[in-house]
Amino acid sequence: MTIEMLEKESNFYARFFSSLVLWGVLLFVILYGLKIIEMIIFTFFGVLALEEFYRMQQVKGNRVFRTAGLTAAFCLYIGIWFFWNFLPNGSTLYYFFEQVLYFAFIASLFSLVIWNWDILENPVSSIALTLLGFFYVAFLFSFLERISFCKGLPFNADAALFYVIAVTKLSDTGAFLIGKNFGRRFLLPHISPKKTWEGLGGGILFSFLAGIMLPFGFSSFFKGFPYADSILLSVVIGIVGAIGDLAKSTVKRDAHVKDSGHVIPGIGGILDLIDSLLLSAPLFYFYCILRYHILP
């Protein structure tokens, strides 16, 4: 066995163990309804992933307003938790808070540009990249927290959160395992040189199997969740999750970096960990609204 093969095998075990521990802890927290810990995890992941996005832009030489973006992201997560968890009419009040937050965020960015005009080479680009990072990472990731507080569903909101995370991450696992062992035809080598069509198929297959098995394995937890919906959604989540992974690869390719960070052995950064959820979580949230006619 060559040194390169040993390194790849070591990386595989590091990736597997890291994913197992991180997502295992979160799924345990969800199963037992530990909302405060759940909120802390979501806030930590969302803010740190956004910081990684901003750091990649700075590596490329772009100027972003990190403090303003990270502060807005922190306020977003705390606002969802506070308004939807503590106030009887919290969801209605929250949307007013969210509108005020976006207004204050954009106004502060323009104020920063006006104040620092003489030292900014591309002021409008700085605003655009700061906003892109916030809405691509922090805003999209916040849909996991929104799902957790959904009211009016015929099944447990924690079950909904568990489902979307489990199906998405099992899809990631299937794409990695099948692609690593059987991948031959490259998917989009100009964006992500290691992703293959076989890996994409493996990811969809694993998500499909998860959609079949989860309602059986946790039947009491998923009580009220239509079985047909579980199967159909699992396939769509597998496809959308792959698009989310490629979207992150696009950002990394543009910044000429391999990983968004180095905090997780075998995976890279937090953004590398949550990339597929950035599209699958909003998709599932929209399903809840349209399927059950609940207020967003």
C-alpha atoms as a PDB file:
ATOM      1  CA  MET A   1       0.000   0.000   0.000  1.00  0.00           C
ATOM      2  CA  THR A   2       1.453   3.355  -1.082  1.00  0.00           C
ATOM      3  CA  ILE A   3       1.746   6.443   1.112  1.00  0.00           C
ATOM      4  CA  GLU A   4      -0.979   8.124  -0.964  1.00  0.00           C
ATOM      5  CA  MET A   5      -3.348   5.192  -0.402  1.00  0.00           C
ATOM      6  CA  LEU A   6      -2.643   5.272   3.328  1.00  0.00           C
ATOM      7  CA  GLU A   7      -3.379   9.001   3.446  1.00  0.00           C
ATOM      8  CA  LYS A   8      -6.685   8.494   1.596  1.00  0.00           C
ATOM      9  CA  GLU A   9      -7.699   5.672   3.942  1.00  0.00           C
ATOM     10  CA  SER A  10      -6.763   7.768   6.986  1.00  0.00           C
ATOM     11  CA  ASN A  11      -8.777  10.699   5.603  1.00  0.00           C
ATOM     12  CA  PHE A  12     -11.773   8.419   5.066  1.00  0.00           C
ATOM     13  CA  TYR A  13     -11.795   7.227   8.680  1.00  0.00           C
ATOM     14  CA  ALA A  14     -11.277  10.769   9.973  1.00  0.00           C
ATOM     15  CA  ARG A  15     -14.196  12.004   7.843  1.00  0.00           C
ATOM     16  CA  PHE A  16     -16.437   9.126   8.922  1.00  0.00           C
ATOM     17  CA  PHE A  17     -15.652   9.530  12.622  1.00  0.00           C
ATOM     18  CA  SER A  18     -16.053  13.329  12.555  1.00  0.00           C
ATOM     19  CA  SER A  19     -19.422  13.104  10.792  1.00  0.00           C
ATOM     20  CA  LEU A  20     -20.624  10.346  13.110  1.00  0.00           C
ATOM     21  CA  VAL A  21     -19.763  12.312  16.251  1.00  0.00           C
ATOM     22  CA  LEU A  22     -21.009  15.735  15.131  1.00  0.00           C
ATOM     23  CA  TRP A  23     -24.297  14.661  13.572  1.00  0.00           C
ATOM     24  CA  GLY A  24     -24.831  11.943  16.163  1.00  0.00           C
ATOM     25  CA  VAL A  25     -24.698  14.527  18.953  1.00  0.00           C
ATOM     26  CA  LEU A  26     -27.090  16.854  17.124  1.00  0.00           C
ATOM     27  CA  LEU A  27     -29.585  14.088  16.325  1.00  0.00           C
ATOM     28  CA  PHE A  28     -29.467  12.973  19.971  1.00  0.00           C
ATOM     29  CA  VAL A  29     -30.232  16.547  21.054  1.00  0.00           C
ATOM     30  CA  ILE A  30     -33.179  16.675  18.619  1.00  0.00           C
ATOM     31  CA  LEU A  31     -34.571  13.279  19.676  1.00  0.00           C
ATOM     32  CA  TYR A  32     -34.653  14.350  23.316  1.00  0.00           C
ATOM     33  CA  GLY A  33     -35.991  17.858  22.624  1.00  0.00           C
ATOM     34  CA  LEU A  34     -33.060  19.760  24.157  1.00  0.00           C
ATOM     35  CA  LYS A  35     -34.005  23.066  22.506  1.00  0.00           C
ATOM     36  CA  ILE A  36     -31.485  25.312  24.233  1.00  0.00           C
ATOM     37  CA  ILE A  37     -28.556  23.091  23.217  1.00  0.00           C
ATOM     38  CA  GLU A  38     -30.023  22.794  19.733  1.00  0.00           C
ATOM     39  CA  MET A  39     -30.162  26.585  19.434  1.00  0.00           C
ATOM     40  CA  ILE A  40     -26.553  26.920  20.629  1.00  0.00           C
ATOM     41  CA  ILE A  41     -25.365  24.362  18.056  1.00  0.00           C
ATOM     42  CA  PHE A  42     -27.255  26.018  15.193  1.00  0.00           C
ATOM     43  CA  THR A  43     -25.983  29.471  16.166  1.00  0.00           C
ATOM     44  CA  PHE A  44     -22.395  28.236  16.482  1.00  0.00           C
ATOM     45  CA  PHE A  45     -22.470  26.364  13.163  1.00  0.00           C
ATOM     46  CA  GLY A  46     -24.199  29.177  11.273  1.00  0.00           C
ATOM     47  CA  VAL A  47     -21.960  31.994  12.516  1.00  0.00           C
ATOM     48  CA  LEU A  48     -18.737  30.012  12.116  1.00  0.00           C
ATOM     49  CA  ALA A  49     -19.690  28.863   8.592  1.00  0.00           C
ATOM     50  CA  LEU A  50     -20.378  32.483   7.646  1.00  0.00           C
ATOM     51  CA  GLU A  51     -17.007  33.516   9.060  1.00  0.00           C
ATOM     52  CA  GLU A  52     -15.403  30.855   6.822  1.00  0.00           C
ATOM     53  CA  PHE A  53     -17.201  32.274   3.779  1.00  0.00           C
ATOM     54  CA  TYR A  54     -15.949  35.767   4.568  1.00  0.00           C
ATOM     55  CA  ARG A  55     -12.413  34.474   5.155  1.00  0.00           C
ATOM     56  CA  MET A  56     -12.425  32.819   1.719  1.00  0.00           C
ATOM     57  CA  GLN A  57     -13.376  36.145   0.162  1.00  0.00           C
ATOM     58  CA  GLN A  58     -10.536  37.861   1.990  1.00  0.00           C
ATOM     59  CA  VAL A  59      -8.093  35.183   0.805  1.00  0.00           C
ATOM     60  CA  LYS A  60      -9.128  36.076  -2.731  1.00  0.00           C
ATOM     61  CA  GLY A  61      -8.452  39.749  -1.982  1.00  0.00           C
ATOM     62  CA  ASN A  62     -12.065  40.913  -1.609  1.00  0.00           C
ATOM     63  CA  ARG A  63     -13.067  43.297   1.161  1.00  0.00           C
ATOM     64  CA  VAL A  64     -16.111  42.277   3.237  1.00  0.00           C
ATOM     65  CA  PHE A  65     -17.679  43.704   6.382  1.00  0.00           C
ATOM     66  CA  ARG A  66     -17.215  40.642   8.601  1.00  0.00           C
ATOM     67  CA  THR A  67     -18.294  42.163  11.906  1.00  0.00           C
ATOM     68  CA  ALA A  68     -21.559  43.497  10.487  1.00  0.00           C
ATOM     69  CA  GLY A  69     -22.344  40.182   8.771  1.00  0.00           C
ATOM     70  CA  LEU A  70     -21.525  38.007  11.771  1.00  0.00           C
ATOM     71  CA  THR A  71     -23.503  40.272  14.115  1.00  0.00           C
ATOM     72  CA  ALA A  72     -26.547  40.107  11.828  1.00  0.00           C
ATOM     73  CA  ALA A  73     -26.269  36.302  11.675  1.00  0.00           C
ATOM     74  CA  PHE A  74     -26.056  36.016  15.471  1.00  0.00           C
ATOM     75  CA  CYS A  75     -29.109  38.268  15.874  1.00  0.00           C
ATOM     76  CA  LEU A  76     -31.027  36.186  13.312  1.00  0.00           C
ATOM     77  CA  TYR A  77     -30.548  32.906  15.212  1.00  0.00           C
ATOM     78  CA  ILE A  78     -31.192  34.414  18.634  1.00  0.00           C
ATOM     79  CA  GLY A  79     -34.297  36.173  17.265  1.00  0.00           C
ATOM     80  CA  ILE A  80     -35.806  32.947  15.904  1.00  0.00           C
ATOM     81  CA  TRP A  81     -35.208  31.166  19.187  1.00  0.00           C
ATOM     82  CA  PHE A  82     -36.497  33.989  21.387  1.00  0.00           C
ATOM     83  CA  PHE A  83     -39.615  35.039  19.475  1.00  0.00           C
ATOM     84  CA  TRP A  84     -40.784  31.548  18.503  1.00  0.00           C
ATOM     85  CA  ASN A  85     -39.960  29.922  21.826  1.00  0.00           C
ATOM     86  CA  PHE A  86     -41.000  32.431  24.469  1.00  0.00           C
ATOM     87  CA  LEU A  87     -43.796  34.610  23.074  1.00  0.00           C
ATOM     88  CA  PRO A  88     -47.384  33.303  22.534  1.00  0.00           C
ATOM     89  CA  ASN A  89     -47.664  35.250  19.303  1.00  0.00           C
ATOM     90  CA  GLY A  90     -43.977  34.957  18.610  1.00  0.00           C
ATOM     91  CA  SER A  91     -44.025  33.976  14.943  1.00  0.00           C
ATOM     92  CA  THR A  92     -45.980  37.113  13.973  1.00  0.00           C
ATOM     93  CA  LEU A  93     -43.712  39.392  15.998  1.00  0.00           C
ATOM     94  CA  TYR A  94     -40.654  37.601  14.672  1.00  0.00           C
ATOM     95  CA  TYR A  95     -41.304  38.567  11.056  1.00  0.00           C
ATOM     96  CA  PHE A  96     -41.400  42.222  12.056  1.00  0.00           C
ATOM     97  CA  PHE A  97     -38.092  41.690  13.878  1.00  0.00           C
ATOM     98  CA  GLU A  98     -36.610  40.003  10.805  1.00  0.00           C
ATOM     99  CA  GLN A  99     -37.618  42.886   8.530  1.00  0.00           C
ATOM    100  CA  VAL A 100     -36.089  45.395  10.961  1.00  0.00           C
ATOM    101  CA  LEU A 101     -32.923  43.254  11.120  1.00  0.00           C
ATOM    102  CA  TYR A 102     -32.495  43.234   7.334  1.00  0.00           C
ATOM    103  CA  PHE A 103     -33.176  46.959   7.126  1.00  0.00           C
ATOM    104  CA  ALA A 104     -30.630  47.723   9.856  1.00  0.00           C
ATOM    105  CA  PHE A 105     -28.087  45.365   8.285  1.00  0.00           C
ATOM    106  CA  ILE A 106     -28.281  46.941   4.825  1.00  0.00           C
ATOM    107  CA  ALA A 107     -28.352  50.473   6.248  1.00  0.00           C
ATOM    108  CA  SER A 108     -25.259  49.719   8.343  1.00  0.00           C
ATOM    109  CA  LEU A 109     -23.397  48.375   5.295  1.00  0.00           C
ATOM    110  CA  PHE A 110     -24.031  51.559   3.328  1.00  0.00           C
ATOM    111  CA  SER A 111     -23.006  53.594   6.360  1.00  0.00           C
ATOM    112  CA  LEU A 112     -19.734  51.668   6.543  1.00  0.00           C
ATOM    113  CA  VAL A 113     -19.117  52.288   2.844  1.00  0.00           C
ATOM    114  CA  ILE A 114     -19.779  56.013   3.222  1.00  0.00           C
ATOM    115  CA  TRP A 115     -17.500  56.213   6.271  1.00  0.00           C
ATOM    116  CA  ASN A 116     -14.672  54.205   4.654  1.00  0.00           C
ATOM    117  CA  TRP A 117     -15.056  55.435   1.084  1.00  0.00           C
ATOM    118  CA  ASP A 118     -11.446  56.573   0.741  1.00  0.00           C
ATOM    119  CA  ILE A 119      -9.967  53.171   1.596  1.00  0.00           C
ATOM    120  CA  LEU A 120     -12.378  50.929  -0.361  1.00  0.00           C
ATOM    121  CA  GLU A 121     -11.486  49.935  -3.908  1.00  0.00           C
ATOM    122  CA  ASN A 122     -14.823  48.261  -4.753  1.00  0.00           C
ATOM    123  CA  PRO A 123     -17.387  49.506  -2.216  1.00  0.00           C
ATOM    124  CA  VAL A 124     -20.482  48.079  -3.917  1.00  0.00           C
ATOM    125  CA  SER A 125     -18.781  44.687  -4.326  1.00  0.00           C
ATOM    126  CA  SER A 126     -17.968  44.736  -0.602  1.00  0.00           C
ATOM    127  CA  ILE A 127     -21.643  45.231   0.219  1.00  0.00           C
ATOM    128  CA  ALA A 128     -22.725  42.582  -2.287  1.00  0.00           C
ATOM    129  CA  LEU A 129     -20.318  39.929  -0.978  1.00  0.00           C
ATOM    130  CA  THR A 130     -21.233  40.662   2.642  1.00  0.00           C
ATOM    131  CA  LEU A 131     -24.926  40.261   1.815  1.00  0.00           C
ATOM    132  CA  LEU A 132     -24.301  37.161  -0.308  1.00  0.00           C
ATOM    133  CA  GLY A 133     -22.509  35.449   2.542  1.00  0.00           C
ATOM    134  CA  PHE A 134     -25.252  36.332   5.002  1.00  0.00           C
ATOM    135  CA  PHE A 135     -28.131  35.109   2.848  1.00  0.00           C
ATOM    136  CA  TYR A 136     -26.323  32.116   1.338  1.00  0.00           C
ATOM    137  CA  VAL A 137     -24.983  30.782   4.644  1.00  0.00           C
ATOM    138  CA  ALA A 138     -26.675  32.302   7.701  1.00  0.00           C
ATOM    139  CA  PHE A 139     -30.155  32.837   6.263  1.00  0.00           C
ATOM    140  CA  LEU A 140     -30.447  29.468   4.487  1.00  0.00           C
ATOM    141  CA  PHE A 141     -29.041  27.577   7.474  1.00  0.00           C
ATOM    142  CA  SER A 142     -31.588  29.308   9.749  1.00  0.00           C
ATOM    143  CA  PHE A 143     -34.330  27.202   8.138  1.00  0.00           C
ATOM    144  CA  LEU A 144     -33.274  24.284  10.307  1.00  0.00           C
ATOM    145  CA  GLU A 145     -34.138  26.341  13.367  1.00  0.00           C
ATOM    146  CA  ARG A 146     -37.399  27.470  11.741  1.00  0.00           C
ATOM    147  CA  ILE A 147     -38.387  23.840  11.115  1.00  0.00           C
ATOM    148  CA  SER A 148     -37.728  23.093  14.781  1.00  0.00           C
ATOM    149  CA  PHE A 149     -40.375  25.652  15.812  1.00  0.00           C
ATOM    150  CA  CYS A 150     -42.988  24.873  13.139  1.00  0.00           C
ATOM    151  CA  LYS A 151     -46.495  24.836  14.626  1.00  0.00           C
ATOM    152  CA  GLY A 152     -49.553  23.169  13.081  1.00  0.00           C
ATOM    153  CA  LEU A 153     -47.835  20.111  11.644  1.00  0.00           C
ATOM    154  CA  PRO A 154     -49.623  16.742  12.038  1.00  0.00           C
ATOM    155  CA  PHE A 155     -46.314  15.291  13.235  1.00  0.00           C
ATOM    156  CA  ASN A 156     -43.627  16.341  15.691  1.00  0.00           C
ATOM    157  CA  ALA A 157     -41.520  19.314  14.530  1.00  0.00           C
ATOM    158  CA  ASP A 158     -38.476  17.609  16.056  1.00  0.00           C
ATOM    159  CA  ALA A 159     -39.212  14.613  13.820  1.00  0.00           C
ATOM    160  CA  ALA A 160     -39.273  16.954  10.811  1.00  0.00           C
ATOM    161  CA  LEU A 161     -35.884  18.380  11.802  1.00  0.00           C
ATOM    162  CA  PHE A 162     -34.462  14.918  12.431  1.00  0.00           C
ATOM    163  CA  TYR A 163     -35.745  13.732   9.052  1.00  0.00           C
ATOM    164  CA  VAL A 164     -34.257  16.508   6.919  1.00  0.00           C
ATOM    165  CA  ILE A 165     -30.842  16.298   8.608  1.00  0.00           C
ATOM    166  CA  ALA A 166     -30.674  12.487   8.558  1.00  0.00           C
ATOM    167  CA  VAL A 167     -31.763  12.145   4.921  1.00  0.00           C
ATOM    168  CA  THR A 168     -29.433  14.920   3.750  1.00  0.00           C
ATOM    169  CA  LYS A 169     -26.367  13.628   5.575  1.00  0.00           C
ATOM    170  CA  LEU A 170     -27.025  10.003   4.575  1.00  0.00           C
ATOM    171  CA  SER A 171     -27.201  11.255   0.999  1.00  0.00           C
ATOM    172  CA  ASP A 172     -23.784  12.905   1.508  1.00  0.00           C
ATOM    173  CA  THR A 173     -22.462   9.625   2.918  1.00  0.00           C
ATOM    174  CA  GLY A 174     -23.786   7.625  -0.031  1.00  0.00           C
ATOM    175  CA  ALA A 175     -22.303  10.062  -2.540  1.00  0.00           C
ATOM    176  CA  PHE A 176     -18.914   9.873  -0.818  1.00  0.00           C
ATOM    177  CA  LEU A 177     -18.814   6.070  -0.462  1.00  0.00           C
ATOM    178  CA  ILE A 178     -20.122   5.215  -3.929  1.00  0.00           C
ATOM    179  CA  GLY A 179     -18.094   7.941  -5.600  1.00  0.00           C
ATOM    180  CA  LYS A 180     -14.902   6.917  -3.785  1.00  0.00           C
ATOM    181  CA  ASN A 181     -15.215   3.225  -4.644  1.00  0.00           C
ATOM    182  CA  PHE A 182     -17.060   3.153  -7.966  1.00  0.00           C
ATOM    183  CA  GLY A 183     -16.780   6.660  -9.407  1.00  0.00           C
ATOM    184  CA  ARG A 184     -15.528   6.705 -12.985  1.00  0.00           C
ATOM    185  CA  ARG A 185     -17.352   9.464 -14.869  1.00  0.00           C
ATOM    186  CA  PHE A 186     -16.735  12.979 -13.600  1.00  0.00           C
ATOM    187  CA  LEU A 187     -19.782  15.135 -12.952  1.00  0.00           C
ATOM    188  CA  LEU A 188     -18.503  18.716 -13.214  1.00  0.00           C
ATOM    189  CA  PRO A 189     -14.696  18.587 -13.098  1.00  0.00           C
ATOM    190  CA  HIS A 190     -14.332  22.332 -13.698  1.00  0.00           C
ATOM    191  CA  ILE A 191     -16.170  22.952 -10.400  1.00  0.00           C
ATOM    192  CA  SER A 192     -15.467  19.858  -8.297  1.00  0.00           C
ATOM    193  CA  PRO A 193     -12.838  17.515  -9.793  1.00  0.00           C
ATOM    194  CA  LYS A 194     -13.624  14.541  -7.513  1.00  0.00           C
ATOM    195  CA  LYS A 195     -17.414  14.371  -7.845  1.00  0.00           C
ATOM    196  CA  THR A 196     -18.780  11.730 -10.190  1.00  0.00           C
ATOM    197  CA  TRP A 197     -22.098  10.689 -11.703  1.00  0.00           C
ATOM    198  CA  GLU A 198     -21.823   7.431  -9.772  1.00  0.00           C
ATOM    199  CA  GLY A 199     -21.435   9.406  -6.560  1.00  0.00           C
ATOM    200  CA  LEU A 200     -24.515  11.473  -7.405  1.00  0.00           C
ATOM    201  CA  GLY A 201     -26.498   8.287  -7.990  1.00  0.00           C
ATOM    202  CA  GLY A 202     -25.203   6.817  -4.737  1.00  0.00           C
ATOM    203  CA  GLY A 203     -26.285   9.906  -2.827  1.00  0.00           C
ATOM    204  CA  ILE A 204     -29.811   9.758  -4.249  1.00  0.00           C
ATOM    205  CA  LEU A 205     -29.972   6.009  -3.549  1.00  0.00           C
ATOM    206  CA  PHE A 206     -28.938   6.468   0.093  1.00  0.00           C
ATOM    207  CA  SER A 207     -31.415   9.321   0.598  1.00  0.00           C
ATOM    208  CA  PHE A 208     -34.163   7.164  -0.965  1.00  0.00           C
ATOM    209  CA  LEU A 209     -33.344   4.280   1.390  1.00  0.00           C
ATOM    210  CA  ALA A 210     -33.353   6.704   4.324  1.00  0.00           C
ATOM    211  CA  GLY A 211     -36.816   7.922   3.294  1.00  0.00           C
ATOM    212  CA  ILE A 212     -38.037   4.315   3.339  1.00  0.00           C
ATOM    213  CA  MET A 213     -36.362   3.206   6.561  1.00  0.00           C
ATOM    214  CA  LEU A 214     -36.661   6.204   8.895  1.00  0.00           C
ATOM    215  CA  PRO A 215     -40.460   6.042   9.353  1.00  0.00           C
ATOM    216  CA  PHE A 216     -40.088   2.324  10.203  1.00  0.00           C
ATOM    217  CA  GLY A 217     -37.073   2.614  12.458  1.00  0.00           C
ATOM    218  CA  PHE A 218     -38.583   5.538  14.411  1.00  0.00           C
ATOM    219  CA  SER A 219     -42.280   4.809  13.835  1.00  0.00           C
ATOM    220  CA  SER A 220     -43.528   6.420  17.053  1.00  0.00           C
ATOM    221  CA  PHE A 221     -41.356   9.506  16.505  1.00  0.00           C
ATOM    222  CA  PHE A 222     -42.597   9.942  12.905  1.00  0.00           C
ATOM    223  CA  LYS A 223     -46.247   9.302  13.707  1.00  0.00           C
ATOM    224  CA  GLY A 224     -48.407  11.435  11.385  1.00  0.00           C
ATOM    225  CA  PHE A 225     -45.710  11.887   8.753  1.00  0.00           C
ATOM    226  CA  PRO A 226     -47.115  10.479   5.455  1.00  0.00           C
ATOM    227  CA  TYR A 227     -45.040   7.557   4.214  1.00  0.00           C
ATOM    228  CA  ALA A 228     -45.454   8.513   0.543  1.00  0.00           C
ATOM    229  CA  ASP A 229     -44.246  12.025   1.341  1.00  0.00           C
ATOM    230  CA  SER A 230     -41.186  10.592   3.088  1.00  0.00           C
ATOM    231  CA  ILE A 231     -40.185   8.589   0.020  1.00  0.00           C
ATOM    232  CA  LEU A 232     -40.802  11.381  -2.493  1.00  0.00           C
ATOM    233  CA  LEU A 233     -39.091  14.025  -0.364  1.00  0.00           C
ATOM    234  CA  SER A 234     -36.064  11.815   0.227  1.00  0.00           C
ATOM    235  CA  VAL A 235     -35.327  11.658  -3.507  1.00  0.00           C
ATOM    236  CA  VAL A 236     -35.793  15.399  -3.959  1.00  0.00           C
ATOM    237  CA  ILE A 237     -33.603  16.101  -0.918  1.00  0.00           C
ATOM    238  CA  GLY A 238     -30.891  13.866  -2.373  1.00  0.00           C
ATOM    239  CA  ILE A 239     -30.890  15.898  -5.593  1.00  0.00           C
ATOM    240  CA  VAL A 240     -31.127  19.308  -3.929  1.00  0.00           C
ATOM    241  CA  GLY A 241     -28.470  18.380  -1.371  1.00  0.00           C
ATOM    242  CA  ALA A 242     -26.077  17.548  -4.227  1.00  0.00           C
ATOM    243  CA  ILE A 243     -26.761  20.978  -5.747  1.00  0.00           C
ATOM    244  CA  GLY A 244     -25.998  22.553  -2.363  1.00  0.00           C
ATOM    245  CA  ASP A 245     -22.689  20.698  -2.249  1.00  0.00           C
ATOM    246  CA  LEU A 246     -21.816  21.917  -5.742  1.00  0.00           C
ATOM    247  CA  ALA A 247     -22.787  25.477  -4.799  1.00  0.00           C
ATOM    248  CA  LYS A 248     -20.221  25.388  -1.992  1.00  0.00           C
ATOM    249  CA  SER A 249     -17.663  23.914  -4.397  1.00  0.00           C
ATOM    250  CA  THR A 250     -18.317  26.878  -6.696  1.00  0.00           C
ATOM    251  CA  VAL A 251     -17.512  29.298  -3.870  1.00  0.00           C
ATOM    252  CA  LYS A 252     -14.321  27.413  -2.991  1.00  0.00           C
ATOM    253  CA  ARG A 253     -13.238  27.147  -6.629  1.00  0.00           C
ATOM    254  CA  ASP A 254     -13.757  30.873  -7.077  1.00  0.00           C
ATOM    255  CA  ALA A 255     -11.614  31.569  -3.998  1.00  0.00           C
ATOM    256  CA  HIS A 256      -8.985  28.968  -5.039  1.00  0.00           C
ATOM    257  CA  VAL A 257      -9.145  27.056  -1.732  1.00  0.00           C
ATOM    258  CA  LYS A 258      -9.534  23.323  -1.108  1.00  0.00           C
ATOM    259  CA  ASP A 259     -11.557  23.484   2.128  1.00  0.00           C
ATOM    260  CA  SER A 260     -13.549  26.240   3.785  1.00  0.00           C
ATOM    261  CA  GLY A 261     -11.604  25.637   7.002  1.00  0.00           C
ATOM    262  CA  HIS A 262      -9.589  23.090   8.967  1.00  0.00           C
ATOM    263  CA  VAL A 263     -11.526  22.694  12.223  1.00  0.00           C
ATOM    264  CA  ILE A 264     -13.021  19.244  11.458  1.00  0.00           C
ATOM    265  CA  PRO A 265     -10.641  16.326  10.744  1.00  0.00           C
ATOM    266  CA  GLY A 266     -11.343  14.689   7.381  1.00  0.00           C
ATOM    267  CA  ILE A 267     -14.023  17.216   6.405  1.00  0.00           C
ATOM    268  CA  GLY A 268     -12.522  20.688   6.567  1.00  0.00           C
ATOM    269  CA  GLY A 269     -14.618  23.573   7.829  1.00  0.00           C
ATOM    270  CA  ILE A 270     -18.132  23.998   9.148  1.00  0.00           C
ATOM    271  CA  LEU A 271     -19.292  25.209   5.726  1.00  0.00           C
ATOM    272  CA  ASP A 272     -18.022  21.933   4.240  1.00  0.00           C
ATOM    273  CA  LEU A 273     -20.143  20.126   6.848  1.00  0.00           C
ATOM    274  CA  ILE A 274     -23.449  21.969   6.318  1.00  0.00           C
ATOM    275  CA  ASP A 275     -23.298  22.818   2.586  1.00  0.00           C
ATOM    276  CA  SER A 276     -25.969  20.332   1.439  1.00  0.00           C
ATOM    277  CA  LEU A 277     -28.344  21.418   4.209  1.00  0.00           C
ATOM    278  CA  LEU A 278     -28.317  25.012   2.973  1.00  0.00           C
ATOM    279  CA  LEU A 279     -30.758  24.045   0.207  1.00  0.00           C
ATOM    280  CA  SER A 280     -32.450  20.931   1.597  1.00  0.00           C
ATOM    281  CA  ALA A 281     -33.615  22.644   4.824  1.00  0.00           C
ATOM    282  CA  PRO A 282     -35.468  25.518   3.059  1.00  0.00           C
ATOM    283  CA  LEU A 283     -36.977  22.991   0.634  1.00  0.00           C
ATOM    284  CA  PHE A 284     -38.407  20.936   3.490  1.00  0.00           C
ATOM    285  CA  TYR A 285     -39.663  24.065   5.237  1.00  0.00           C
ATOM    286  CA  PHE A 286     -41.518  25.133   2.081  1.00  0.00           C
ATOM    287  CA  TYR A 287     -43.002  21.633   1.870  1.00  0.00           C
ATOM    288  CA  CYS A 288     -44.368  22.028   5.416  1.00  0.00           C
ATOM    289  CA  ILE A 289     -45.984  25.369   4.553  1.00  0.00           C
ATOM    290  CA  LEU A 290     -47.526  24.258   1.245  1.00  0.00           C
ATOM    291  CA  ARG A 291     -48.547  20.751   2.324  1.00  0.00           C
ATOM    292  CA  TYR A 292     -50.188  21.696   5.610  1.00  0.00           C
ATOM    293  CA  HIS A 293     -51.166  25.335   4.966  1.00  0.00           C
ATOM    294  CA  ILE A 294     -49.433  26.586   8.090  1.00  0.00           C
ATOM    295  CA  LEU A 295     -48.272  30.149   8.494  1.00  0.00           C
ATOM    296  CA  PRO A 296     -44.581  30.665   7.638  1.00  0.00           C
END
